Amino acid sequence: MISAYWSRPDCVKLLVERKADSTLKDKQLPGKTALDIAQYWNRAEVEPLLQFASTPAPPPAPPAPRVEPEPTAKSASIADKADSKASASDPAARPIATRARTGSTR
């Protein structure tokens, strides 16, 4: 409250950052908060900081709904089909283990 009265934005900012209770009432000015004092004495530098501190935080967002992927039949893509055609017609394109079983050498 003293920081608000003497218009010390650096001190008010430090107190706000450290989560000081901005709703405390002054004992010498009964019922007055730091924001009330800043508004009464027209302390334009600290008033927005205290207004920000007295604004409640928004409630947390609800969790996003869980979306399960739909099972789809796996169909071969055009590239997969082209690869399978090439390996069927060209023995060199087949894996080494397949060439060994078929007896193909190159």
N, C-alpha and C. Protein backbone atom coordinates (compact mmCIF):
# COMPACT_ATOMS: atom_id res chain seq x y z
N MET A 1 0.81 -1.18 0.00
CA MET A 1 0.00 0.00 0.00
C MET A 1 0.86 1.25 0.00
N ILE A 2 1.97 1.15 0.64
CA ILE A 2 2.89 2.29 0.63
C ILE A 2 3.43 2.50 -0.77
N SER A 3 3.70 1.40 -1.49
CA SER A 3 4.19 1.51 -2.87
C SER A 3 3.14 2.17 -3.76
N ALA A 4 1.88 1.89 -3.52
CA ALA A 4 0.81 2.51 -4.29
C ALA A 4 0.70 4.00 -3.93
N TYR A 5 0.78 4.29 -2.64
CA TYR A 5 0.67 5.69 -2.20
C TYR A 5 1.80 6.55 -2.77
N TRP A 6 3.02 6.05 -2.72
CA TRP A 6 4.18 6.81 -3.18
C TRP A 6 4.43 6.62 -4.68
N SER A 7 3.54 5.93 -5.36
CA SER A 7 3.62 5.72 -6.81
C SER A 7 4.96 5.13 -7.22
N ARG A 8 5.21 3.93 -6.71
CA ARG A 8 6.45 3.21 -7.02
C ARG A 8 6.12 2.00 -7.86
N PRO A 9 6.02 2.17 -9.21
CA PRO A 9 5.64 1.04 -10.06
C PRO A 9 6.63 -0.12 -10.00
N ASP A 10 7.91 0.16 -9.78
CA ASP A 10 8.89 -0.92 -9.69
C ASP A 10 8.61 -1.81 -8.49
N CYS A 11 8.27 -1.20 -7.36
CA CYS A 11 7.95 -2.00 -6.16
C CYS A 11 6.63 -2.74 -6.33
N VAL A 12 5.62 -2.07 -6.90
CA VAL A 12 4.32 -2.72 -7.10
C VAL A 12 4.48 -3.91 -8.05
N LYS A 13 5.24 -3.72 -9.10
CA LYS A 13 5.45 -4.80 -10.06
C LYS A 13 6.13 -5.99 -9.39
N LEU A 14 7.13 -5.72 -8.56
CA LEU A 14 7.82 -6.80 -7.85
C LEU A 14 6.86 -7.55 -6.93
N LEU A 15 6.03 -6.81 -6.20
CA LEU A 15 5.08 -7.44 -5.30
C LEU A 15 4.04 -8.26 -6.07
N VAL A 16 3.59 -7.74 -7.19
CA VAL A 16 2.60 -8.46 -8.00
C VAL A 16 3.22 -9.74 -8.57
N GLU A 17 4.45 -9.64 -9.05
CA GLU A 17 5.12 -10.82 -9.60
C GLU A 17 5.32 -11.90 -8.55
N ARG A 18 5.51 -11.48 -7.31
CA ARG A 18 5.75 -12.44 -6.21
C ARG A 18 4.44 -12.85 -5.53
N LYS A 19 3.33 -12.56 -6.19
CA LYS A 19 2.00 -12.99 -5.73
C LYS A 19 1.61 -12.41 -4.38
N ALA A 20 1.93 -11.15 -4.14
CA ALA A 20 1.49 -10.49 -2.91
C ALA A 20 -0.03 -10.34 -2.96
N ASP A 21 -0.67 -10.41 -1.81
CA ASP A 21 -2.13 -10.33 -1.72
C ASP A 21 -2.55 -8.88 -1.95
N SER A 22 -3.17 -8.62 -3.08
CA SER A 22 -3.59 -7.25 -3.40
C SER A 22 -4.95 -6.92 -2.81
N THR A 23 -5.56 -7.85 -2.09
CA THR A 23 -6.87 -7.60 -1.50
C THR A 23 -6.78 -7.20 -0.03
N LEU A 24 -5.58 -7.12 0.52
CA LEU A 24 -5.42 -6.71 1.92
C LEU A 24 -5.94 -5.30 2.12
N LYS A 25 -6.53 -5.05 3.29
CA LYS A 25 -7.08 -3.73 3.63
C LYS A 25 -6.10 -2.97 4.51
N ASP A 26 -6.01 -1.68 4.29
CA ASP A 26 -5.12 -0.82 5.06
C ASP A 26 -5.70 -0.59 6.45
N LYS A 27 -4.85 -0.54 7.48
CA LYS A 27 -5.30 -0.31 8.85
C LYS A 27 -5.56 1.17 9.12
N GLN A 28 -4.77 2.04 8.49
CA GLN A 28 -4.93 3.47 8.73
C GLN A 28 -6.10 4.05 7.92
N LEU A 29 -6.34 3.49 6.77
CA LEU A 29 -7.49 3.88 5.94
C LEU A 29 -8.41 2.66 5.88
N PRO A 30 -9.24 2.46 6.86
CA PRO A 30 -10.02 1.22 6.99
C PRO A 30 -10.82 0.89 5.71
N GLY A 31 -10.65 -0.35 5.29
CA GLY A 31 -11.39 -0.84 4.14
C GLY A 31 -10.79 -0.50 2.79
N LYS A 32 -9.65 0.15 2.76
CA LYS A 32 -9.03 0.56 1.49
C LYS A 32 -7.92 -0.42 1.11
N THR A 33 -7.96 -0.85 -0.14
CA THR A 33 -6.90 -1.70 -0.67
C THR A 33 -5.86 -0.82 -1.35
N ALA A 34 -4.79 -1.43 -1.81
CA ALA A 34 -3.75 -0.68 -2.53
C ALA A 34 -4.32 -0.06 -3.80
N LEU A 35 -5.22 -0.78 -4.47
CA LEU A 35 -5.86 -0.25 -5.67
C LEU A 35 -6.73 0.96 -5.33
N ASP A 36 -7.47 0.88 -4.23
CA ASP A 36 -8.30 2.02 -3.80
C ASP A 36 -7.43 3.25 -3.54
N ILE A 37 -6.29 3.03 -2.90
CA ILE A 37 -5.38 4.14 -2.59
C ILE A 37 -4.82 4.73 -3.87
N ALA A 38 -4.41 3.89 -4.81
CA ALA A 38 -3.86 4.38 -6.08
C ALA A 38 -4.92 5.17 -6.86
N GLN A 39 -6.17 4.71 -6.82
CA GLN A 39 -7.23 5.43 -7.52
C GLN A 39 -7.55 6.75 -6.83
N TYR A 40 -7.59 6.75 -5.50
CA TYR A 40 -7.91 7.97 -4.75
C TYR A 40 -6.87 9.06 -4.99
N TRP A 41 -5.59 8.69 -4.94
CA TRP A 41 -4.51 9.65 -5.10
C TRP A 41 -4.10 9.82 -6.57
N ASN A 42 -4.82 9.20 -7.47
CA ASN A 42 -4.59 9.33 -8.92
C ASN A 42 -3.15 8.93 -9.29
N ARG A 43 -2.76 7.74 -8.86
CA ARG A 43 -1.42 7.21 -9.17
C ARG A 43 -1.52 6.40 -10.46
N ALA A 44 -1.43 7.09 -11.59
CA ALA A 44 -1.65 6.49 -12.91
C ALA A 44 -0.60 5.43 -13.26
N GLU A 45 0.58 5.52 -12.67
CA GLU A 45 1.63 4.55 -13.02
C GLU A 45 1.40 3.19 -12.37
N VAL A 46 0.83 3.18 -11.17
CA VAL A 46 0.67 1.90 -10.46
C VAL A 46 -0.74 1.34 -10.56
N GLU A 47 -1.71 2.16 -10.89
CA GLU A 47 -3.10 1.70 -10.94
C GLU A 47 -3.31 0.53 -11.91
N PRO A 48 -2.78 0.58 -13.16
CA PRO A 48 -2.98 -0.58 -14.05
C PRO A 48 -2.33 -1.86 -13.52
N LEU A 49 -1.21 -1.74 -12.85
CA LEU A 49 -0.55 -2.93 -12.28
C LEU A 49 -1.42 -3.56 -11.20
N LEU A 50 -2.01 -2.72 -10.37
CA LEU A 50 -2.86 -3.23 -9.30
C LEU A 50 -4.18 -3.76 -9.84
N GLN A 51 -4.69 -3.16 -10.90
CA GLN A 51 -5.91 -3.69 -11.52
C GLN A 51 -5.65 -5.07 -12.10
N PHE A 52 -4.50 -5.22 -12.73
CA PHE A 52 -4.13 -6.54 -13.27
C PHE A 52 -4.01 -7.57 -12.16
N ALA A 53 -3.43 -7.17 -11.05
CA ALA A 53 -3.24 -8.10 -9.93
C ALA A 53 -4.57 -8.49 -9.30
N SER A 54 -5.55 -7.61 -9.33
CA SER A 54 -6.83 -7.92 -8.69
C SER A 54 -7.79 -8.65 -9.62
N THR A 55 -7.42 -8.80 -10.90
CA THR A 55 -8.26 -9.54 -11.84
C THR A 55 -8.03 -11.03 -11.63
N PRO A 56 -9.12 -11.78 -11.41
CA PRO A 56 -8.92 -13.23 -11.21
C PRO A 56 -8.46 -13.91 -12.49
N ALA A 57 -7.70 -14.96 -12.32
CA ALA A 57 -7.22 -15.73 -13.46
C ALA A 57 -8.39 -16.50 -14.07
N PRO A 58 -8.37 -16.69 -15.38
CA PRO A 58 -9.46 -17.47 -15.99
C PRO A 58 -9.38 -18.92 -15.55
N PRO A 59 -10.52 -19.60 -15.54
CA PRO A 59 -10.48 -21.01 -15.13
C PRO A 59 -9.70 -21.84 -16.15
N PRO A 60 -9.14 -22.94 -15.70
CA PRO A 60 -8.37 -23.77 -16.64
C PRO A 60 -9.30 -24.36 -17.70
N ALA A 61 -8.76 -24.56 -18.86
CA ALA A 61 -9.53 -25.13 -19.96
C ALA A 61 -9.83 -26.59 -19.67
N PRO A 62 -10.99 -27.07 -20.09
CA PRO A 62 -11.30 -28.49 -19.88
C PRO A 62 -10.41 -29.34 -20.78
N PRO A 63 -10.19 -30.59 -20.39
CA PRO A 63 -9.34 -31.44 -21.22
C PRO A 63 -9.99 -31.69 -22.58
N ALA A 64 -9.18 -31.82 -23.57
CA ALA A 64 -9.67 -32.08 -24.93
C ALA A 64 -10.26 -33.48 -24.99
N PRO A 65 -11.32 -33.65 -25.76
CA PRO A 65 -11.89 -35.00 -25.86
C PRO A 65 -10.93 -35.94 -26.56
N ARG A 66 -10.96 -37.18 -26.13
CA ARG A 66 -10.07 -38.19 -26.72
C ARG A 66 -10.72 -38.71 -28.00
N VAL A 67 -9.96 -38.71 -29.05
CA VAL A 67 -10.45 -39.17 -30.34
C VAL A 67 -9.70 -40.44 -30.71
N GLU A 68 -10.45 -41.50 -30.85
CA GLU A 68 -9.86 -42.77 -31.24
C GLU A 68 -9.85 -42.86 -32.76
N PRO A 69 -8.74 -43.26 -33.36
CA PRO A 69 -8.72 -43.39 -34.82
C PRO A 69 -9.63 -44.54 -35.24
N GLU A 70 -10.31 -44.30 -36.34
CA GLU A 70 -11.20 -45.33 -36.85
C GLU A 70 -10.37 -46.39 -37.57
N PRO A 71 -10.67 -47.67 -37.33
CA PRO A 71 -9.93 -48.72 -38.03
C PRO A 71 -10.31 -48.69 -39.51
N THR A 72 -9.31 -48.69 -40.34
CA THR A 72 -9.54 -48.70 -41.79
C THR A 72 -8.79 -49.87 -42.39
N ALA A 73 -9.32 -50.36 -43.47
CA ALA A 73 -8.64 -51.45 -44.17
C ALA A 73 -7.39 -50.88 -44.82
N LYS A 74 -6.28 -51.53 -44.61
CA LYS A 74 -5.02 -51.04 -45.18
C LYS A 74 -4.98 -51.45 -46.65
N SER A 75 -4.99 -50.45 -47.47
CA SER A 75 -4.87 -50.72 -48.90
C SER A 75 -3.49 -50.26 -49.35
N ALA A 76 -2.95 -50.96 -50.26
CA ALA A 76 -1.61 -50.64 -50.75
C ALA A 76 -1.66 -49.34 -51.55
N SER A 77 -0.68 -48.51 -51.32
CA SER A 77 -0.61 -47.27 -52.08
C SER A 77 -0.05 -47.55 -53.47
N ILE A 78 -0.11 -46.56 -54.31
CA ILE A 78 0.40 -46.69 -55.68
C ILE A 78 1.89 -47.03 -55.65
N ALA A 79 2.62 -46.39 -54.73
CA ALA A 79 4.06 -46.65 -54.63
C ALA A 79 4.32 -48.08 -54.18
N ASP A 80 3.49 -48.59 -53.22
CA ASP A 80 3.66 -49.97 -52.77
C ASP A 80 3.39 -50.95 -53.91
N LYS A 81 2.37 -50.67 -54.69
CA LYS A 81 2.05 -51.55 -55.81
C LYS A 81 3.17 -51.55 -56.84
N ALA A 82 3.73 -50.38 -57.13
CA ALA A 82 4.82 -50.29 -58.09
C ALA A 82 6.04 -51.05 -57.59
N ASP A 83 6.33 -50.95 -56.29
CA ASP A 83 7.47 -51.67 -55.71
C ASP A 83 7.26 -53.18 -55.81
N SER A 84 6.06 -53.64 -55.55
CA SER A 84 5.82 -55.08 -55.58
C SER A 84 5.91 -55.61 -57.02
N LYS A 85 5.46 -54.83 -58.01
CA LYS A 85 5.57 -55.26 -59.40
C LYS A 85 7.03 -55.33 -59.83
N ALA A 86 7.82 -54.32 -59.41
CA ALA A 86 9.23 -54.28 -59.80
C ALA A 86 9.98 -55.45 -59.18
N SER A 87 9.70 -55.77 -57.93
CA SER A 87 10.45 -56.85 -57.28
C SER A 87 10.01 -58.21 -57.81
N ALA A 88 8.81 -58.33 -58.28
CA ALA A 88 8.35 -59.61 -58.82
C ALA A 88 8.97 -59.89 -60.18
N SER A 89 9.17 -58.86 -60.98
CA SER A 89 9.71 -59.08 -62.33
C SER A 89 11.23 -59.03 -62.38
N ASP A 90 11.86 -58.35 -61.45
CA ASP A 90 13.32 -58.21 -61.47
C ASP A 90 13.91 -58.95 -60.28
N PRO A 91 14.61 -60.06 -60.50
CA PRO A 91 15.18 -60.82 -59.38
C PRO A 91 16.22 -60.02 -58.60
N ALA A 92 16.89 -59.07 -59.22
CA ALA A 92 17.91 -58.28 -58.52
C ALA A 92 17.28 -57.32 -57.54
N ALA A 93 16.01 -56.96 -57.77
CA ALA A 93 15.34 -56.03 -56.88
C ALA A 93 14.83 -56.71 -55.63
N ARG A 94 14.75 -58.04 -55.62
CA ARG A 94 14.28 -58.77 -54.46
C ARG A 94 15.35 -58.76 -53.37
N PRO A 95 14.95 -58.91 -52.12
CA PRO A 95 15.94 -58.99 -51.04
C PRO A 95 16.85 -60.18 -51.24
N ILE A 96 18.04 -60.14 -50.68
CA ILE A 96 19.06 -61.17 -50.86
C ILE A 96 18.54 -62.52 -50.39
N ALA A 97 17.83 -62.57 -49.28
CA ALA A 97 17.33 -63.84 -48.76
C ALA A 97 16.37 -64.48 -49.75
N THR A 98 15.57 -63.68 -50.43
CA THR A 98 14.62 -64.22 -51.41
C THR A 98 15.37 -64.76 -52.62
N ARG A 99 16.41 -64.06 -53.07
CA ARG A 99 17.20 -64.53 -54.21
C ARG A 99 17.89 -65.86 -53.90
N ALA A 100 18.32 -66.02 -52.65
CA ALA A 100 19.01 -67.25 -52.28
C ALA A 100 18.04 -68.43 -52.30
N ARG A 101 16.79 -68.21 -51.90
CA ARG A 101 15.82 -69.31 -51.91
C ARG A 101 15.41 -69.69 -53.30
N THR A 102 15.35 -68.71 -54.22
CA THR A 102 14.92 -69.03 -55.59
C THR A 102 16.05 -69.51 -56.45
N GLY A 103 17.27 -69.36 -55.98
CA GLY A 103 18.41 -69.83 -56.76
C GLY A 103 18.85 -68.82 -57.79
N SER A 104 18.33 -67.63 -57.78
CA SER A 104 18.68 -66.64 -58.76
C SER A 104 19.99 -65.98 -58.37
N THR A 105 20.93 -65.91 -59.28
CA THR A 105 22.19 -65.23 -59.01
C THR A 105 22.42 -64.21 -60.10
N ARG A 106 23.07 -63.19 -59.80
CA ARG A 106 23.31 -62.16 -60.78
C ARG A 106 24.63 -61.50 -60.57
